[in-house]
C-alpha cells in the first residue's frame, strides 16, 4: 500500500493535489480498487491481474476514444497493470435515495 500511495502522490502532485486518505473498495490477489481523497477531487487507483488483464488496455482505449464519457486516466503503471483515474463527479450510488438512480437512462 505504501508503494501505491507514493506512486499516487507523485502522479497527482503536478496537478496541484496531495493525498488525504484512502479507502479500498474492493481487492484480492488479482484486483484492487482504491479511492483516494485528495486536497482536490478524489482519484481512483485500479490494478488488475489474471484473468482480467485485458481491462488495463480496454480502460486506456475507452479513455482515449471517448474522453467525454469516461473519467480521465491521470497515470498508468504498466508493470502493475494499474492506472489512476479522475473521479467521475457527482454523488455515488450509495448516496442516492432513489432506486431510479440504479437504472440506465
PDB file of N, CA and C in Angstrom:
ATOM      1  N   UNK A   1       0.826  -1.187   0.000  1.00  0.00           N
ATOM      2  CA  UNK A   1       0.000   0.000   0.000  1.00  0.00           C
ATOM      3  C   UNK A   1       0.876   1.260   0.000  1.00  0.00           C
ATOM      4  N   UNK A   2       2.007   1.191   0.691  1.00  0.00           N
ATOM      5  CA  UNK A   2       2.891   2.351   0.731  1.00  0.00           C
ATOM      6  C   UNK A   2       3.390   2.711  -0.669  1.00  0.00           C
ATOM      7  N   UNK A   3       3.742   1.700  -1.469  1.00  0.00           N
ATOM      8  CA  UNK A   3       4.199   1.966  -2.837  1.00  0.00           C
ATOM      9  C   UNK A   3       3.090   2.589  -3.675  1.00  0.00           C
ATOM     10  N   UNK A   4       1.867   2.109  -3.500  1.00  0.00           N
ATOM     11  CA  UNK A   4       0.730   2.670  -4.243  1.00  0.00           C
ATOM     12  C   UNK A   4       0.518   4.130  -3.846  1.00  0.00           C
ATOM     13  N   UNK A   5       0.562   4.400  -2.552  1.00  0.00           N
ATOM     14  CA  UNK A   5       0.380   5.779  -2.083  1.00  0.00           C
ATOM     15  C   UNK A   5       1.492   6.694  -2.600  1.00  0.00           C
ATOM     16  N   UNK A   6       2.730   6.220  -2.573  1.00  0.00           N
ATOM     17  CA  UNK A   6       3.844   7.029  -3.066  1.00  0.00           C
ATOM     18  C   UNK A   6       3.700   7.313  -4.553  1.00  0.00           C
ATOM     19  N   UNK A   7       3.329   6.310  -5.324  1.00  0.00           N
ATOM     20  CA  UNK A   7       3.143   6.485  -6.760  1.00  0.00           C
ATOM     21  C   UNK A   7       1.993   7.446  -7.039  1.00  0.00           C
ATOM     22  N   UNK A   8       0.894   7.288  -6.312  1.00  0.00           N
ATOM     23  CA  UNK A   8      -0.266   8.158  -6.493  1.00  0.00           C
ATOM     24  C   UNK A   8       0.079   9.598  -6.135  1.00  0.00           C
ATOM     25  N   UNK A   9       0.762   9.778  -5.027  1.00  0.00           N
ATOM     26  CA  UNK A   9       1.177  11.118  -4.601  1.00  0.00           C
ATOM     27  C   UNK A   9       2.027  11.782  -5.680  1.00  0.00           C
ATOM     28  N   UNK A  10       2.979  11.049  -6.243  1.00  0.00           N
ATOM     29  CA  UNK A  10       3.843  11.597  -7.289  1.00  0.00           C
ATOM     30  C   UNK A  10       3.040  11.938  -8.549  1.00  0.00           C
ATOM     31  N   UNK A  11       2.018  11.144  -8.856  1.00  0.00           N
ATOM     32  CA  UNK A  11       1.207  11.380 -10.058  1.00  0.00           C
ATOM     33  C   UNK A  11       0.299  12.599  -9.916  1.00  0.00           C
ATOM     34  N   UNK A  12      -0.201  12.858  -8.722  1.00  0.00           N
ATOM     35  CA  UNK A  12      -1.148  13.972  -8.560  1.00  0.00           C
ATOM     36  C   UNK A  12      -0.495  15.277  -8.131  1.00  0.00           C
ATOM     37  N   UNK A  13       0.731  15.217  -7.663  1.00  0.00           N
ATOM     38  CA  UNK A  13       1.425  16.430  -7.217  1.00  0.00           C
ATOM     39  C   UNK A  13       1.509  17.482  -8.329  1.00  0.00           C
ATOM     40  N   UNK A  14       1.868  17.098  -9.581  1.00  0.00           N
ATOM     41  CA  UNK A  14       1.898  18.105 -10.647  1.00  0.00           C
ATOM     42  C   UNK A  14       0.527  18.715 -10.946  1.00  0.00           C
ATOM     43  N   UNK A  15      -0.536  18.062 -10.509  1.00  0.00           N
ATOM     44  CA  UNK A  15      -1.893  18.578 -10.712  1.00  0.00           C
ATOM     45  C   UNK A  15      -2.318  19.493  -9.570  1.00  0.00           C
ATOM     46  N   UNK A  16      -1.388  19.744  -8.637  1.00  0.00           N
ATOM     47  CA  UNK A  16      -1.674  20.619  -7.515  1.00  0.00           C
ATOM     48  C   UNK A  16      -2.459  19.961  -6.397  1.00  0.00           C
ATOM     49  N   UNK A  17      -2.410  18.637  -6.326  1.00  0.00           N
ATOM     50  CA  UNK A  17      -3.156  17.911  -5.300  1.00  0.00           C
ATOM     51  C   UNK A  17      -2.215  17.122  -4.406  1.00  0.00           C
ATOM     52  N   UNK A  18      -2.684  16.817  -3.219  1.00  0.00           N
ATOM     53  CA  UNK A  18      -1.977  15.951  -2.293  1.00  0.00           C
ATOM     54  C   UNK A  18      -2.943  14.929  -1.724  1.00  0.00           C
ATOM     55  N   UNK A  19      -2.422  13.823  -1.234  1.00  0.00           N
ATOM     56  CA  UNK A  19      -3.270  12.772  -0.655  1.00  0.00           C
ATOM     57  C   UNK A  19      -3.749  13.158   0.737  1.00  0.00           C
ATOM     58  N   UNK A  20      -4.992  12.771   1.029  1.00  0.00           N
ATOM     59  CA  UNK A  20      -5.541  12.966   2.368  1.00  0.00           C
ATOM     60  C   UNK A  20      -5.831  11.626   3.030  1.00  0.00           C
ATOM     61  N   UNK A  21      -6.552  10.748   2.331  1.00  0.00           N
ATOM     62  CA  UNK A  21      -6.898   9.449   2.905  1.00  0.00           C
ATOM     63  C   UNK A  21      -7.221   8.481   1.774  1.00  0.00           C
ATOM     64  N   UNK A  22      -7.367   7.203   2.143  1.00  0.00           N
ATOM     65  CA  UNK A  22      -7.704   6.194   1.135  1.00  0.00           C
ATOM     66  C   UNK A  22      -8.741   5.240   1.692  1.00  0.00           C
ATOM     67  N   UNK A  23      -9.460   4.625   0.764  1.00  0.00           N
ATOM     68  CA  UNK A  23     -10.464   3.617   1.112  1.00  0.00           C
ATOM     69  C   UNK A  23     -10.434   2.541   0.045  1.00  0.00           C
ATOM     70  N   UNK A  24     -10.061   1.321   0.426  1.00  0.00           N
ATOM     71  CA  UNK A  24     -10.058   0.228  -0.541  1.00  0.00           C
ATOM     72  C   UNK A  24     -11.472  -0.313  -0.632  1.00  0.00           C
ATOM     73  N   UNK A  25     -12.050  -0.210  -1.823  1.00  0.00           N
ATOM     74  CA  UNK A  25     -13.431  -0.620  -2.021  1.00  0.00           C
ATOM     75  C   UNK A  25     -13.555  -2.074  -2.432  1.00  0.00           C
ATOM     76  N   UNK A  26     -12.521  -2.594  -3.040  1.00  0.00           N
ATOM     77  CA  UNK A  26     -12.542  -3.981  -3.466  1.00  0.00           C
ATOM     78  C   UNK A  26     -11.103  -4.410  -3.661  1.00  0.00           C
ATOM     79  N   UNK A  27     -10.839  -5.666  -3.429  1.00  0.00           N
ATOM     80  CA  UNK A  27      -9.489  -6.131  -3.660  1.00  0.00           C
ATOM     81  C   UNK A  27      -9.304  -7.587  -3.304  1.00  0.00           C
ATOM     82  N   UNK A  28      -8.375  -8.197  -3.988  1.00  0.00           N
ATOM     83  CA  UNK A  28      -7.943  -9.564  -3.721  1.00  0.00           C
ATOM     84  C   UNK A  28      -6.556  -9.691  -4.342  1.00  0.00           C
ATOM     85  N   UNK A  29      -6.066 -10.885  -4.474  1.00  0.00           N
ATOM     86  CA  UNK A  29      -4.711 -11.050  -5.010  1.00  0.00           C
ATOM     87  C   UNK A  29      -4.600 -10.676  -6.491  1.00  0.00           C
ATOM     88  N   UNK A  30      -5.714 -10.529  -7.207  1.00  0.00           N
ATOM     89  CA  UNK A  30      -5.654 -10.202  -8.636  1.00  0.00           C
ATOM     90  C   UNK A  30      -6.426  -8.944  -9.004  1.00  0.00           C
ATOM     91  N   UNK A  31      -6.826  -8.138  -8.029  1.00  0.00           N
ATOM     92  CA  UNK A  31      -7.652  -6.974  -8.331  1.00  0.00           C
ATOM     93  C   UNK A  31      -7.607  -5.999  -7.165  1.00  0.00           C
ATOM     94  N   UNK A  32      -7.551  -4.717  -7.473  1.00  0.00           N
ATOM     95  CA  UNK A  32      -7.591  -3.711  -6.412  1.00  0.00           C
ATOM     96  C   UNK A  32      -8.284  -2.463  -6.918  1.00  0.00           C
ATOM     97  N   UNK A  33      -9.171  -1.908  -6.102  1.00  0.00           N
ATOM     98  CA  UNK A  33      -9.828  -0.640  -6.400  1.00  0.00           C
ATOM     99  C   UNK A  33      -9.776   0.206  -5.134  1.00  0.00           C
ATOM    100  N   UNK A  34      -9.082   1.344  -5.234  1.00  0.00           N
ATOM    101  CA  UNK A  34      -8.883   2.217  -4.083  1.00  0.00           C
ATOM    102  C   UNK A  34      -9.304   3.634  -4.448  1.00  0.00           C
ATOM    103  N   UNK A  35     -10.084   4.242  -3.578  1.00  0.00           N
ATOM    104  CA  UNK A  35     -10.473   5.647  -3.754  1.00  0.00           C
ATOM    105  C   UNK A  35      -9.597   6.484  -2.829  1.00  0.00           C
ATOM    106  N   UNK A  36      -8.911   7.458  -3.421  1.00  0.00           N
ATOM    107  CA  UNK A  36      -8.079   8.364  -2.640  1.00  0.00           C
ATOM    108  C   UNK A  36      -8.762   9.718  -2.536  1.00  0.00           C
ATOM    109  N   UNK A  37      -8.980  10.174  -1.317  1.00  0.00           N
ATOM    110  CA  UNK A  37      -9.401  11.550  -1.103  1.00  0.00           C
ATOM    111  C   UNK A  37      -8.153  12.402  -1.222  1.00  0.00           C
ATOM    112  N   UNK A  38      -8.275  13.534  -1.895  1.00  0.00           N
ATOM    113  CA  UNK A  38      -7.135  14.417  -2.097  1.00  0.00           C
ATOM    114  C   UNK A  38      -7.500  15.825  -1.647  1.00  0.00           C
ATOM    115  N   UNK A  39      -6.548  16.720  -1.758  1.00  0.00           N
ATOM    116  CA  UNK A  39      -6.823  18.120  -1.456  1.00  0.00           C
ATOM    117  C   UNK A  39      -7.647  18.765  -2.560  1.00  0.00           C
ATOM    118  N   UNK A  40      -7.871  18.034  -3.652  1.00  0.00           N
ATOM    119  CA  UNK A  40      -8.755  18.446  -4.751  1.00  0.00           C
ATOM    120  C   UNK A  40      -9.864  17.422  -4.879  1.00  0.00           C
ATOM    121  N   UNK A  41     -10.136  17.009  -6.093  1.00  0.00           N
ATOM    122  CA  UNK A  41     -11.143  15.974  -6.332  1.00  0.00           C
ATOM    123  C   UNK A  41     -10.567  14.594  -6.021  1.00  0.00           C
ATOM    124  N   UNK A  42     -11.429  13.630  -5.703  1.00  0.00           N
ATOM    125  CA  UNK A  42     -10.932  12.267  -5.460  1.00  0.00           C
ATOM    126  C   UNK A  42     -10.305  11.684  -6.724  1.00  0.00           C
ATOM    127  N   UNK A  43      -9.433  10.700  -6.533  1.00  0.00           N
ATOM    128  CA  UNK A  43      -8.867   9.926  -7.641  1.00  0.00           C
ATOM    129  C   UNK A  43      -9.023   8.451  -7.304  1.00  0.00           C
ATOM    130  N   UNK A  44      -9.018   7.636  -8.330  1.00  0.00           N
ATOM    131  CA  UNK A  44      -9.224   6.191  -8.173  1.00  0.00           C
ATOM    132  C   UNK A  44      -8.020   5.436  -8.709  1.00  0.00           C
ATOM    133  N   UNK A  45      -7.538   4.494  -7.933  1.00  0.00           N
ATOM    134  CA  UNK A  45      -6.454   3.597  -8.341  1.00  0.00           C
ATOM    135  C   UNK A  45      -7.074   2.239  -8.620  1.00  0.00           C
ATOM    136  N   UNK A  46      -6.742   1.685  -9.771  1.00  0.00           N
ATOM    137  CA  UNK A  46      -7.216   0.347 -10.090  1.00  0.00           C
ATOM    138  C   UNK A  46      -6.059  -0.449 -10.658  1.00  0.00           C
ATOM    139  N   UNK A  47      -5.942  -1.700 -10.218  1.00  0.00           N
ATOM    140  CA  UNK A  47      -4.932  -2.625 -10.744  1.00  0.00           C
ATOM    141  C   UNK A  47      -5.613  -3.963 -10.974  1.00  0.00           C
ATOM    142  N   UNK A  48      -5.223  -4.630 -12.057  1.00  0.00           N
ATOM    143  CA  UNK A  48      -5.832  -5.917 -12.399  1.00  0.00           C
ATOM    144  C   UNK A  48      -4.758  -6.963 -12.690  1.00  0.00           C
ATOM    145  N   UNK A  49      -5.125  -8.202 -12.491  1.00  0.00           N
ATOM    146  CA  UNK A  49      -4.280  -9.336 -12.828  1.00  0.00           C
ATOM    147  C   UNK A  49      -5.126 -10.363 -13.565  1.00  0.00           C
ATOM    148  N   UNK A  50      -4.576 -11.536 -13.775  1.00  0.00           N
ATOM    149  CA  UNK A  50      -5.338 -12.616 -14.412  1.00  0.00           C
ATOM    150  C   UNK A  50      -6.585 -12.894 -13.574  1.00  0.00           C
ATOM    151  N   UNK A  51      -7.702 -13.125 -14.160  1.00  0.00           N
ATOM    152  CA  UNK A  51      -7.990 -13.257 -15.592  1.00  0.00           C
ATOM    153  C   UNK A  51      -8.451 -11.952 -16.235  1.00  0.00           C
ATOM    154  N   UNK A  52      -8.230 -10.808 -15.603  1.00  0.00           N
ATOM    155  CA  UNK A  52      -8.768  -9.541 -16.099  1.00  0.00           C
ATOM    156  C   UNK A  52      -7.726  -8.579 -16.658  1.00  0.00           C
ATOM    157  N   UNK A  53      -6.594  -9.093 -17.108  1.00  0.00           N
ATOM    158  CA  UNK A  53      -5.548  -8.219 -17.643  1.00  0.00           C
ATOM    159  C   UNK A  53      -6.031  -7.357 -18.806  1.00  0.00           C
ATOM    160  N   UNK A  54      -6.972  -7.870 -19.571  1.00  0.00           N
ATOM    161  CA  UNK A  54      -7.498  -7.122 -20.715  1.00  0.00           C
ATOM    162  C   UNK A  54      -8.146  -5.800 -20.292  1.00  0.00           C
ATOM    163  N   UNK A  55      -8.610  -5.703 -19.062  1.00  0.00           N
ATOM    164  CA  UNK A  55      -9.258  -4.486 -18.582  1.00  0.00           C
ATOM    165  C   UNK A  55      -8.289  -3.292 -18.578  1.00  0.00           C
ATOM    166  N   UNK A  56      -7.013  -3.558 -18.386  1.00  0.00           N
ATOM    167  CA  UNK A  56      -5.999  -2.495 -18.392  1.00  0.00           C
ATOM    168  C   UNK A  56      -5.992  -1.788 -19.747  1.00  0.00           C
ATOM    169  N   UNK A  57      -5.867  -2.521 -20.820  1.00  0.00           N
ATOM    170  CA  UNK A  57      -5.823  -1.933 -22.164  1.00  0.00           C
ATOM    171  C   UNK A  57      -7.178  -1.360 -22.567  1.00  0.00           C
ATOM    172  N   UNK A  58      -8.246  -2.037 -22.218  1.00  0.00           N
ATOM    173  CA  UNK A  58      -9.588  -1.561 -22.565  1.00  0.00           C
ATOM    174  C   UNK A  58      -9.873  -0.217 -21.897  1.00  0.00           C
ATOM    175  N   UNK A  59      -9.536  -0.077 -20.634  1.00  0.00           N
ATOM    176  CA  UNK A  59      -9.781   1.181 -19.922  1.00  0.00           C
ATOM    177  C   UNK A  59      -9.022   2.332 -20.563  1.00  0.00           C
ATOM    178  N   UNK A  60      -7.777   2.094 -20.953  1.00  0.00           N
ATOM    179  CA  UNK A  60      -6.996   3.136 -21.613  1.00  0.00           C
ATOM    180  C   UNK A  60      -7.589   3.502 -22.972  1.00  0.00           C
ATOM    181  N   UNK A  61      -8.030   2.498 -23.722  1.00  0.00           N
ATOM    182  CA  UNK A  61      -8.622   2.763 -25.033  1.00  0.00           C
ATOM    183  C   UNK A  61      -9.920   3.560 -24.898  1.00  0.00           C
ATOM    184  N   UNK A  62     -10.763   3.192 -23.940  1.00  0.00           N
ATOM    185  CA  UNK A  62     -12.021   3.926 -23.749  1.00  0.00           C
ATOM    186  C   UNK A  62     -11.764   5.378 -23.369  1.00  0.00           C
ATOM    187  N   UNK A  63     -10.798   5.607 -22.498  1.00  0.00           N
ATOM    188  CA  UNK A  63     -10.468   6.976 -22.089  1.00  0.00           C
ATOM    189  C   UNK A  63      -9.932   7.791 -23.262  1.00  0.00           C
ATOM    190  N   UNK A  64      -9.182   7.152 -24.136  1.00  0.00           N
ATOM    191  CA  UNK A  64      -8.618   7.835 -25.298  1.00  0.00           C
ATOM    192  C   UNK A  64      -9.689   8.092 -26.364  1.00  0.00           C
ATOM    193  N   UNK A  65     -10.553   7.110 -26.613  1.00  0.00           N
ATOM    194  CA  UNK A  65     -11.546   7.218 -27.679  1.00  0.00           C
ATOM    195  C   UNK A  65     -12.806   7.987 -27.287  1.00  0.00           C
ATOM    196  N   UNK A  66     -13.167   7.941 -26.006  1.00  0.00           N
ATOM    197  CA  UNK A  66     -14.414   8.555 -25.553  1.00  0.00           C
ATOM    198  C   UNK A  66     -14.190   9.434 -24.321  1.00  0.00           C
ATOM    199  N   UNK A  67     -13.309  10.434 -24.414  1.00  0.00           N
ATOM    200  CA  UNK A  67     -12.963  11.226 -23.238  1.00  0.00           C
ATOM    201  C   UNK A  67     -14.145  11.965 -22.605  1.00  0.00           C
ATOM    202  N   UNK A  68     -15.196  12.197 -23.349  1.00  0.00           N
ATOM    203  CA  UNK A  68     -16.360  12.882 -22.785  1.00  0.00           C
ATOM    204  C   UNK A  68     -17.251  11.952 -21.970  1.00  0.00           C
ATOM    205  N   UNK A  69     -17.006  10.645 -22.052  1.00  0.00           N
ATOM    206  CA  UNK A  69     -17.901   9.679 -21.432  1.00  0.00           C
ATOM    207  C   UNK A  69     -17.294   8.859 -20.303  1.00  0.00           C
ATOM    208  N   UNK A  70     -15.992   8.909 -20.160  1.00  0.00           N
ATOM    209  CA  UNK A  70     -15.337   8.144 -19.087  1.00  0.00           C
ATOM    210  C   UNK A  70     -14.344   9.055 -18.358  1.00  0.00           C
ATOM    211  N   UNK A  71     -14.053   8.757 -17.098  1.00  0.00           N
ATOM    212  CA  UNK A  71     -13.091   9.576 -16.364  1.00  0.00           C
ATOM    213  C   UNK A  71     -11.708   9.543 -17.013  1.00  0.00           C
ATOM    214  N   UNK A  72     -11.013  10.657 -16.910  1.00  0.00           N
ATOM    215  CA  UNK A  72      -9.662  10.766 -17.484  1.00  0.00           C
ATOM    216  C   UNK A  72      -8.684   9.869 -16.731  1.00  0.00           C
ATOM    217  N   UNK A  73      -7.790   9.237 -17.476  1.00  0.00           N
ATOM    218  CA  UNK A  73      -6.707   8.476 -16.862  1.00  0.00           C
ATOM    219  C   UNK A  73      -5.564   9.453 -16.620  1.00  0.00           C
ATOM    220  N   UNK A  74      -5.168   9.556 -15.362  1.00  0.00           N
ATOM    221  CA  UNK A  74      -4.144  10.515 -14.955  1.00  0.00           C
ATOM    222  C   UNK A  74      -2.738   9.953 -15.038  1.00  0.00           C
ATOM    223  N   UNK A  75      -2.603   8.639 -14.842  1.00  0.00           N
ATOM    224  CA  UNK A  75      -1.285   7.988 -14.873  1.00  0.00           C
ATOM    225  C   UNK A  75      -1.492   6.489 -15.028  1.00  0.00           C
ATOM    226  N   UNK A  76      -0.474   5.831 -15.554  1.00  0.00           N
ATOM    227  CA  UNK A  76      -0.505   4.368 -15.661  1.00  0.00           C
ATOM    228  C   UNK A  76       0.794   3.799 -15.091  1.00  0.00           C
ATOM    229  N   UNK A  77       0.705   2.566 -14.666  1.00  0.00           N
ATOM    230  CA  UNK A  77       1.868   1.832 -14.136  1.00  0.00           C
ATOM    231  C   UNK A  77       1.819   0.447 -14.798  1.00  0.00           C
ATOM    232  N   UNK A  78       2.373   0.314 -16.024  1.00  0.00           N
ATOM    233  CA  UNK A  78       2.247  -0.924 -16.786  1.00  0.00           C
ATOM    234  C   UNK A  78       2.708  -2.180 -16.042  1.00  0.00           C
ATOM    235  N   UNK A  79       3.798  -2.075 -15.283  1.00  0.00           N
ATOM    236  CA  UNK A  79       4.299  -3.274 -14.605  1.00  0.00           C
ATOM    237  C   UNK A  79       3.352  -3.773 -13.522  1.00  0.00           C
ATOM    238  N   UNK A  80       2.452  -2.925 -13.067  1.00  0.00           N
ATOM    239  CA  UNK A  80       1.426  -3.337 -12.091  1.00  0.00           C
ATOM    240  C   UNK A  80       0.086  -3.583 -12.773  1.00  0.00           C
ATOM    241  N   UNK A  81      -0.024  -3.295 -14.067  1.00  0.00           N
ATOM    242  CA  UNK A  81      -1.308  -3.308 -14.780  1.00  0.00           C
ATOM    243  C   UNK A  81      -2.282  -2.411 -14.021  1.00  0.00           C
ATOM    244  N   UNK A  82      -1.805  -1.210 -13.716  1.00  0.00           N
ATOM    245  CA  UNK A  82      -2.554  -0.290 -12.865  1.00  0.00           C
ATOM    246  C   UNK A  82      -2.708   1.066 -13.531  1.00  0.00           C
ATOM    247  N   UNK A  83      -3.747   1.766 -13.157  1.00  0.00           N
ATOM    248  CA  UNK A  83      -3.950   3.113 -13.631  1.00  0.00           C
ATOM    249  C   UNK A  83      -4.640   3.944 -12.561  1.00  0.00           C
ATOM    250  N   UNK A  84      -4.450   5.242 -12.687  1.00  0.00           N
ATOM    251  CA  UNK A  84      -5.039   6.208 -11.775  1.00  0.00           C
ATOM    252  C   UNK A  84      -5.978   7.060 -12.601  1.00  0.00           C
ATOM    253  N   UNK A  85      -7.210   7.179 -12.150  1.00  0.00           N
ATOM    254  CA  UNK A  85      -8.179   7.947 -12.932  1.00  0.00           C
ATOM    255  C   UNK A  85      -8.864   9.002 -12.082  1.00  0.00           C
ATOM    256  N   UNK A  86      -9.312  10.027 -12.776  1.00  0.00           N
ATOM    257  CA  UNK A  86     -10.056  11.094 -12.131  1.00  0.00           C
ATOM    258  C   UNK A  86     -11.406  10.551 -11.663  1.00  0.00           C
ATOM    259  N   UNK A  87     -11.979  11.206 -10.704  1.00  0.00           N
ATOM    260  CA  UNK A  87     -13.316  10.864 -10.248  1.00  0.00           C
ATOM    261  C   UNK A  87     -14.321  11.290 -11.318  1.00  0.00           C
ATOM    262  N   UNK A  88     -15.386  10.524 -11.473  1.00  0.00           N
ATOM    263  CA  UNK A  88     -16.407  10.838 -12.466  1.00  0.00           C
ATOM    264  C   UNK A  88     -17.283  12.015 -12.091  1.00  0.00           C
ATOM    265  N   UNK A  89     -17.238  12.425 -10.828  1.00  0.00           N
ATOM    266  CA  UNK A  89     -18.055  13.543 -10.375  1.00  0.00           C
ATOM    267  C   UNK A  89     -19.443  13.099  -9.971  1.00  0.00           C
ATOM    268  N   UNK A  90     -20.119  13.926  -9.258  1.00  0.00           N
ATOM    269  CA  UNK A  90     -21.471  13.630  -8.827  1.00  0.00           C
ATOM    270  C   UNK A  90     -21.496  12.702  -7.630  1.00  0.00           C
ATOM    271  N   UNK A  91     -22.685  12.443  -7.113  1.00  0.00           N
ATOM    272  CA  UNK A  91     -22.809  11.572  -5.939  1.00  0.00           C
ATOM    273  C   UNK A  91     -22.612  10.101  -6.312  1.00  0.00           C
ATOM    274  N   UNK A  92     -22.192   9.309  -5.338  1.00  0.00           N
ATOM    275  CA  UNK A  92     -22.068   7.869  -5.571  1.00  0.00           C
ATOM    276  C   UNK A  92     -23.451   7.247  -5.485  1.00  0.00           C
ATOM    277  N   UNK A  93     -23.604   6.046  -6.016  1.00  0.00           N
ATOM    278  CA  UNK A  93     -24.896   5.366  -5.938  1.00  0.00           C
ATOM    279  C   UNK A  93     -25.313   5.138  -4.487  1.00  0.00           C
ATOM    280  N   UNK A  94     -24.338   4.926  -3.609  1.00  0.00           N
ATOM    281  CA  UNK A  94     -24.656   4.744  -2.185  1.00  0.00           C
ATOM    282  C   UNK A  94     -25.280   5.989  -1.570  1.00  0.00           C
ATOM    283  N   UNK A  95     -24.999   7.150  -2.138  1.00  0.00           N
ATOM    284  CA  UNK A  95     -25.545   8.400  -1.621  1.00  0.00           C
ATOM    285  C   UNK A  95     -26.925   8.724  -2.182  1.00  0.00           C
ATOM    286  N   UNK A  96     -27.355   7.997  -3.178  1.00  0.00           N
ATOM    287  CA  UNK A  96     -28.644   8.260  -3.815  1.00  0.00           C
ATOM    288  C   UNK A  96     -29.772   7.610  -3.019  1.00  0.00           C
ATOM    289  N   UNK A  97     -30.883   8.301  -2.911  1.00  0.00           N
ATOM    290  CA  UNK A  97     -32.023   7.763  -2.166  1.00  0.00           C
ATOM    291  C   UNK A  97     -33.061   7.138  -3.085  1.00  0.00           C
ATOM    292  N   UNK A  98     -32.997   7.435  -4.364  1.00  0.00           N
ATOM    293  CA  UNK A  98     -33.969   6.903  -5.316  1.00  0.00           C
ATOM    294  C   UNK A  98     -33.449   5.628  -5.981  1.00  0.00           C
ATOM    295  N   UNK A  99     -34.296   4.631  -6.062  1.00  0.00           N
ATOM    296  CA  UNK A  99     -33.946   3.382  -6.749  1.00  0.00           C
ATOM    297  C   UNK A  99     -33.705   3.643  -8.232  1.00  0.00           C
ATOM    298  N   UNK A 100     -34.330   4.675  -8.779  1.00  0.00           N
ATOM    299  CA  UNK A 100     -34.170   5.000 -10.200  1.00  0.00           C
ATOM    300  C   UNK A 100     -32.714   5.321 -10.557  1.00  0.00           C
ATOM    301  N   UNK A 101     -31.930   5.752  -9.597  1.00  0.00           N
ATOM    302  CA  UNK A 101     -30.525   6.068  -9.847  1.00  0.00           C
ATOM    303  C   UNK A 101     -29.751   4.843 -10.307  1.00  0.00           C
ATOM    304  N   UNK A 102     -30.214   3.665  -9.983  1.00  0.00           N
ATOM    305  CA  UNK A 102     -29.539   2.427 -10.342  1.00  0.00           C
ATOM    306  C   UNK A 102     -29.900   1.949 -11.740  1.00  0.00           C
ATOM    307  N   UNK A 103     -30.824   2.624 -12.408  1.00  0.00           N
ATOM    308  CA  UNK A 103     -31.264   2.238 -13.755  1.00  0.00           C
ATOM    309  C   UNK A 103     -30.566   3.084 -14.797  1.00  0.00           C
ATOM    310  N   UNK A 104     -30.294   2.485 -15.930  1.00  0.00           N
ATOM    311  CA  UNK A 104     -29.711   3.223 -17.045  1.00  0.00           C
ATOM    312  C   UNK A 104     -30.777   4.146 -17.636  1.00  0.00           C
ATOM    313  N   UNK A 105     -30.353   5.295 -18.176  1.00  0.00           N
ATOM    314  CA  UNK A 105     -31.331   6.220 -18.777  1.00  0.00           C
ATOM    315  C   UNK A 105     -31.950   5.637 -20.026  1.00  0.00           C
TER     316      UNK A 105
END
